């Protein structure tokens, strides 16, 4: 992106957006799989599992925050790259 002379702010936005979207999708899939696993264990082992909508939102929010935090480092690093260096290093 820097090789295409995209401004540093735009590169940062692209990387942060990608990080948030990927982590949001992963958080939703992980939450769904967790709920399914809890229901399966509930029927097999006969344990009681209670879910509150607040817990589900918090788990997805944590996934998004982690994705945002992990997207900041590469976005700033690439955003500060010189265009010539970006072309040289591929």
C-alpha atoms as a PDB file:
ATOM      1  CA  UNK A   1       0.000   0.000   0.000  1.00  0.00           C
ATOM      2  CA  UNK A   2       2.857   2.313   0.776  1.00  0.00           C
ATOM      3  CA  UNK A   3       4.369   1.248  -2.538  1.00  0.00           C
ATOM      4  CA  UNK A   4       1.272   2.722  -4.197  1.00  0.00           C
ATOM      5  CA  UNK A   5       1.934   6.034  -2.406  1.00  0.00           C
ATOM      6  CA  UNK A   6      -1.087   5.639  -0.169  1.00  0.00           C
ATOM      7  CA  UNK A   7      -0.983   8.188   2.683  1.00  0.00           C
ATOM      8  CA  UNK A   8       0.134   6.862   6.075  1.00  0.00           C
ATOM      9  CA  UNK A   9      -3.214   7.655   7.720  1.00  0.00           C
ATOM     10  CA  UNK A  10      -5.076   5.697   5.082  1.00  0.00           C
ATOM     11  CA  UNK A  11      -2.743   2.695   5.494  1.00  0.00           C
ATOM     12  CA  UNK A  12      -3.350   2.804   9.236  1.00  0.00           C
ATOM     13  CA  UNK A  13      -7.117   2.935   8.711  1.00  0.00           C
ATOM     14  CA  UNK A  14      -7.016  -0.029   6.324  1.00  0.00           C
ATOM     15  CA  UNK A  15      -5.000  -2.193   8.727  1.00  0.00           C
ATOM     16  CA  UNK A  16      -7.102  -1.263  11.745  1.00  0.00           C
ATOM     17  CA  UNK A  17     -10.330  -1.891   9.846  1.00  0.00           C
ATOM     18  CA  UNK A  18      -9.053  -5.274   8.717  1.00  0.00           C
ATOM     19  CA  UNK A  19      -8.010  -6.180  12.264  1.00  0.00           C
ATOM     20  CA  UNK A  20     -11.369  -5.222  13.716  1.00  0.00           C
ATOM     21  CA  UNK A  21     -13.381  -7.054  11.039  1.00  0.00           C
ATOM     22  CA  UNK A  22     -11.327 -10.247  11.272  1.00  0.00           C
ATOM     23  CA  UNK A  23     -11.446 -10.256  15.073  1.00  0.00           C
ATOM     24  CA  UNK A  24     -15.181  -9.499  15.060  1.00  0.00           C
ATOM     25  CA  UNK A  25     -15.851 -12.461  12.773  1.00  0.00           C
ATOM     26  CA  UNK A  26     -13.571 -14.658  14.891  1.00  0.00           C
ATOM     27  CA  UNK A  27     -15.254 -13.481  18.093  1.00  0.00           C
ATOM     28  CA  UNK A  28     -18.725 -14.244  16.760  1.00  0.00           C
ATOM     29  CA  UNK A  29     -17.685 -17.683  15.478  1.00  0.00           C
ATOM     30  CA  UNK A  30     -15.891 -18.462  18.750  1.00  0.00           C
ATOM     31  CA  UNK A  31     -18.890 -17.381  20.794  1.00  0.00           C
ATOM     32  CA  UNK A  32     -21.256 -19.514  18.713  1.00  0.00           C
ATOM     33  CA  UNK A  33     -18.956 -22.538  18.999  1.00  0.00           C
ATOM     34  CA  UNK A  34     -18.667 -21.972  22.754  1.00  0.00           C
ATOM     35  CA  UNK A  35     -22.425 -21.878  23.173  1.00  0.00           C
ATOM     36  CA  UNK A  36     -22.827 -25.044  21.090  1.00  0.00           C
ATOM     37  CA  UNK A  37     -20.127 -26.808  23.126  1.00  0.00           C
ATOM     38  CA  UNK A  38     -21.785 -25.720  26.377  1.00  0.00           C
ATOM     39  CA  UNK A  39     -25.139 -27.105  25.254  1.00  0.00           C
ATOM     40  CA  UNK A  40     -23.537 -30.391  24.198  1.00  0.00           C
ATOM     41  CA  UNK A  41     -21.751 -30.698  27.545  1.00  0.00           C
ATOM     42  CA  UNK A  42     -24.960 -29.779  29.312  1.00  0.00           C
ATOM     43  CA  UNK A  43     -26.775 -32.707  27.727  1.00  0.00           C
ATOM     44  CA  UNK A  44     -23.915 -35.213  28.073  1.00  0.00           C
ATOM     45  CA  UNK A  45     -22.632 -34.398  31.561  1.00  0.00           C
ATOM     46  CA  UNK A  46     -25.893 -32.947  32.901  1.00  0.00           C
ATOM     47  CA  UNK A  47     -24.412 -29.674  34.101  1.00  0.00           C
ATOM     48  CA  UNK A  48     -26.298 -26.416  34.138  1.00  0.00           C
ATOM     49  CA  UNK A  49     -24.934 -23.647  31.922  1.00  0.00           C
ATOM     50  CA  UNK A  50     -26.490 -20.209  31.964  1.00  0.00           C
ATOM     51  CA  UNK A  51     -25.775 -17.568  29.334  1.00  0.00           C
ATOM     52  CA  UNK A  52     -26.568 -13.911  29.603  1.00  0.00           C
ATOM     53  CA  UNK A  53     -26.559 -11.600  26.627  1.00  0.00           C
ATOM     54  CA  UNK A  54     -24.135  -9.355  28.507  1.00  0.00           C
ATOM     55  CA  UNK A  55     -21.542 -12.129  28.622  1.00  0.00           C
ATOM     56  CA  UNK A  56     -21.881 -12.701  24.902  1.00  0.00           C
ATOM     57  CA  UNK A  57     -21.436  -9.005  24.101  1.00  0.00           C
ATOM     58  CA  UNK A  58     -18.438  -8.744  26.429  1.00  0.00           C
ATOM     59  CA  UNK A  59     -16.738 -11.732  24.780  1.00  0.00           C
ATOM     60  CA  UNK A  60     -17.205 -10.243  21.318  1.00  0.00           C
ATOM     61  CA  UNK A  61     -16.059  -6.831  22.570  1.00  0.00           C
ATOM     62  CA  UNK A  62     -12.890  -8.367  24.017  1.00  0.00           C
ATOM     63  CA  UNK A  63     -12.184 -10.045  20.664  1.00  0.00           C
ATOM     64  CA  UNK A  64     -12.581  -6.718  18.856  1.00  0.00           C
ATOM     65  CA  UNK A  65     -10.345  -4.889  21.342  1.00  0.00           C
ATOM     66  CA  UNK A  66      -7.641  -7.548  20.953  1.00  0.00           C
ATOM     67  CA  UNK A  67      -7.891  -7.306  17.152  1.00  0.00           C
ATOM     68  CA  UNK A  68      -7.649  -3.531  17.361  1.00  0.00           C
ATOM     69  CA  UNK A  69      -4.633  -3.707  19.653  1.00  0.00           C
ATOM     70  CA  UNK A  70      -2.885  -6.251  17.426  1.00  0.00           C
ATOM     71  CA  UNK A  71      -3.633  -4.148  14.343  1.00  0.00           C
ATOM     72  CA  UNK A  72      -2.086  -0.968  15.718  1.00  0.00           C
ATOM     73  CA  UNK A  73       1.535  -2.169  15.698  1.00  0.00           C
ATOM     74  CA  UNK A  74       1.729  -3.283  12.039  1.00  0.00           C
ATOM     75  CA  UNK A  75      -0.372  -0.368  10.824  1.00  0.00           C
ATOM     76  CA  UNK A  76       1.881   2.230  12.438  1.00  0.00           C
ATOM     77  CA  UNK A  77       4.994   0.366  11.304  1.00  0.00           C
ATOM     78  CA  UNK A  78       3.846   0.168   7.684  1.00  0.00           C
ATOM     79  CA  UNK A  79       2.356   3.656   7.756  1.00  0.00           C
ATOM     80  CA  UNK A  80       5.757   5.105   8.641  1.00  0.00           C
ATOM     81  CA  UNK A  81       7.594   3.193   5.921  1.00  0.00           C
ATOM     82  CA  UNK A  82       9.214   5.152   3.156  1.00  0.00           C
ATOM     83  CA  UNK A  83       7.755   4.391  -0.295  1.00  0.00           C
ATOM     84  CA  UNK A  84      11.178   3.430  -1.683  1.00  0.00           C
ATOM     85  CA  UNK A  85      11.784   1.056   1.220  1.00  0.00           C
ATOM     86  CA  UNK A  86       8.364  -0.485   0.727  1.00  0.00           C
ATOM     87  CA  UNK A  87       9.160  -1.166  -2.924  1.00  0.00           C
ATOM     88  CA  UNK A  88      12.593  -2.543  -2.081  1.00  0.00           C
ATOM     89  CA  UNK A  89      11.408  -4.941   0.612  1.00  0.00           C
ATOM     90  CA  UNK A  90       8.285  -6.089  -1.170  1.00  0.00           C
END
